[in-house]
Protein backbone atom coordinates (compact mmCIF):
# COMPACT_ATOMS: atom_id res chain seq x y z
CA UNK A 1 0.32 0.46 -0.34
CA UNK A 2 1.39 3.22 -1.12
CA UNK A 3 1.50 5.78 1.94
CA UNK A 4 -0.16 8.31 1.45
CA UNK A 5 0.19 12.42 3.00
CA UNK A 6 -1.66 13.55 6.29
CA UNK A 7 -0.89 16.63 6.42
CA UNK A 8 0.75 19.46 3.34
CA UNK A 9 2.39 22.62 4.63
CA UNK A 10 4.48 25.58 3.27
CA UNK A 11 6.95 25.66 5.97
CA UNK A 12 8.18 29.60 4.12
CA UNK A 13 7.37 30.09 0.48
CA UNK A 14 10.52 27.63 -0.78
CA UNK A 15 9.60 25.00 1.30
CA UNK A 16 6.88 22.40 0.92
CA UNK A 17 6.33 19.59 4.55
CA UNK A 18 4.93 16.47 3.91
CA UNK A 19 3.63 14.38 7.11
CA UNK A 20 2.46 10.10 5.81
CA UNK A 21 0.35 8.49 7.77
CA UNK A 22 3.55 6.26 8.60
CA UNK A 23 5.30 8.42 10.18
CA UNK A 24 7.72 10.34 7.90
CA UNK A 25 7.97 13.73 7.81
CA UNK A 26 9.76 15.43 4.65
CA UNK A 27 10.48 18.27 3.49
CA UNK A 28 10.85 19.39 -0.38
CA UNK A 29 11.63 22.88 -1.52
CA UNK A 30 9.71 24.24 -4.97
CA UNK A 31 12.32 25.00 -7.24
CA UNK A 32 13.14 21.00 -5.71
CA UNK A 33 10.04 19.97 -6.96
CA UNK A 34 9.61 21.98 -10.51
CA UNK A 35 13.47 20.82 -12.02
CA UNK A 36 11.52 17.43 -10.63
CA UNK A 37 8.46 17.93 -12.63
CA UNK A 38 7.35 14.27 -15.09
CA UNK A 39 4.99 16.06 -16.95
CA UNK A 40 6.22 15.25 -20.49
CA UNK A 41 7.69 18.23 -22.06
CA UNK A 42 10.11 18.56 -18.84
CA UNK A 43 11.01 14.97 -19.55
CA UNK A 44 11.56 16.56 -23.10
CA UNK A 45 13.69 18.98 -22.07
CA UNK A 46 15.83 17.93 -19.62
CA UNK A 47 17.21 14.68 -21.82
CA UNK A 48 18.00 17.35 -24.10
CA UNK A 49 21.80 19.36 -23.75
CA UNK A 50 21.64 22.77 -22.64
CA UNK A 51 21.45 25.23 -25.51
CA UNK A 52 24.52 27.66 -24.98
CA UNK A 53 22.27 31.31 -24.98
CA UNK A 54 25.24 34.35 -24.31
CA UNK A 55 21.77 35.62 -22.65
CA UNK A 56 19.02 33.66 -21.76
CA UNK A 57 15.31 35.15 -22.40
CA UNK A 58 12.92 34.70 -19.64
CA UNK A 59 9.18 35.60 -19.17
CA UNK A 60 8.05 37.60 -16.52
CA UNK A 61 7.06 35.55 -14.06
CA UNK A 62 10.50 33.97 -14.61
CA UNK A 63 11.27 36.61 -13.30
CA UNK A 64 10.05 36.02 -9.52
CA UNK A 65 11.06 33.80 -6.29
CA UNK A 66 9.02 30.56 -7.25
CA UNK A 67 5.67 29.05 -5.23
CA UNK A 68 3.34 27.00 -5.06
CA UNK A 69 -0.39 28.58 -6.47
CA UNK A 70 -2.26 25.31 -6.08
CA UNK A 71 -1.91 22.41 -5.40
CA UNK A 72 -5.00 20.00 -5.68
CA UNK A 73 -5.41 15.74 -4.38
CA UNK A 74 -6.07 13.32 -7.46
CA UNK A 75 -7.46 10.80 -6.80
CA UNK A 76 -5.60 8.31 -3.66
CA UNK A 77 -2.07 8.76 -6.26
CA UNK A 78 -1.49 11.83 -7.41
CA UNK A 79 -0.90 16.18 -6.68
CA UNK A 80 -1.40 18.25 -9.77
CA UNK A 81 0.61 21.41 -8.69
CA UNK A 82 0.57 25.05 -10.17
CA UNK A 83 4.02 27.31 -10.00
CA UNK A 84 4.08 30.62 -10.31
CA UNK A 85 6.16 30.20 -13.10
CA UNK A 86 3.09 29.19 -14.43
CA UNK A 87 3.95 25.42 -15.10
CA UNK A 88 0.58 23.28 -14.67
CA UNK A 89 0.64 19.79 -16.62
CA UNK A 90 3.21 17.66 -13.80
CA UNK A 91 0.90 15.31 -11.77
CA UNK A 92 3.83 14.74 -9.04
CA UNK A 93 3.03 10.94 -7.31
CA UNK A 94 3.06 9.94 -4.08
CA UNK A 95 5.87 7.64 -4.88
CA UNK A 96 7.76 10.56 -6.38
CA UNK A 97 6.50 13.49 -3.62
CA UNK A 98 8.55 10.47 -0.78
CA UNK A 99 11.69 10.17 -3.00
CA UNK A 100 11.97 14.23 -3.12
CA UNK A 101 11.27 14.77 -0.01
CA UNK A 102 13.95 15.17 3.02
CA UNK A 103 13.52 13.15 5.88
CA UNK A 104 13.67 15.36 8.72
CA UNK A 105 11.23 13.39 11.14
CA UNK A 106 10.59 9.82 11.31
CA UNK A 107 7.98 9.25 13.99
CA UNK A 108 6.23 5.82 14.18
CA UNK A 109 8.41 4.18 12.07
CA UNK A 110 10.26 0.60 13.21
CA UNK A 111 7.75 0.78 16.34
């Protein structure tokens, strides 16, 4: 059975904390979430070499600090996350969220 989140909490604008029903508590930076977006476009972009650009062209929203603007559960297996840079096509499975999270607590594990 896939562990389920019991609490999702923004600790500050840059960090999401997830408490799981098995006692594990993990933290993920918003930047790490965005950089690991599982949508097809992001996977393809990450697999290509970075183009050499002297002056990258950024959209206005890309110049602002990255934030989560919306996070909706998708059944009992994933979350759809909207980011402040306008990206909203990634479906983050619970397995991925758990894998990305840095463990900061493990109350109840091993009991």
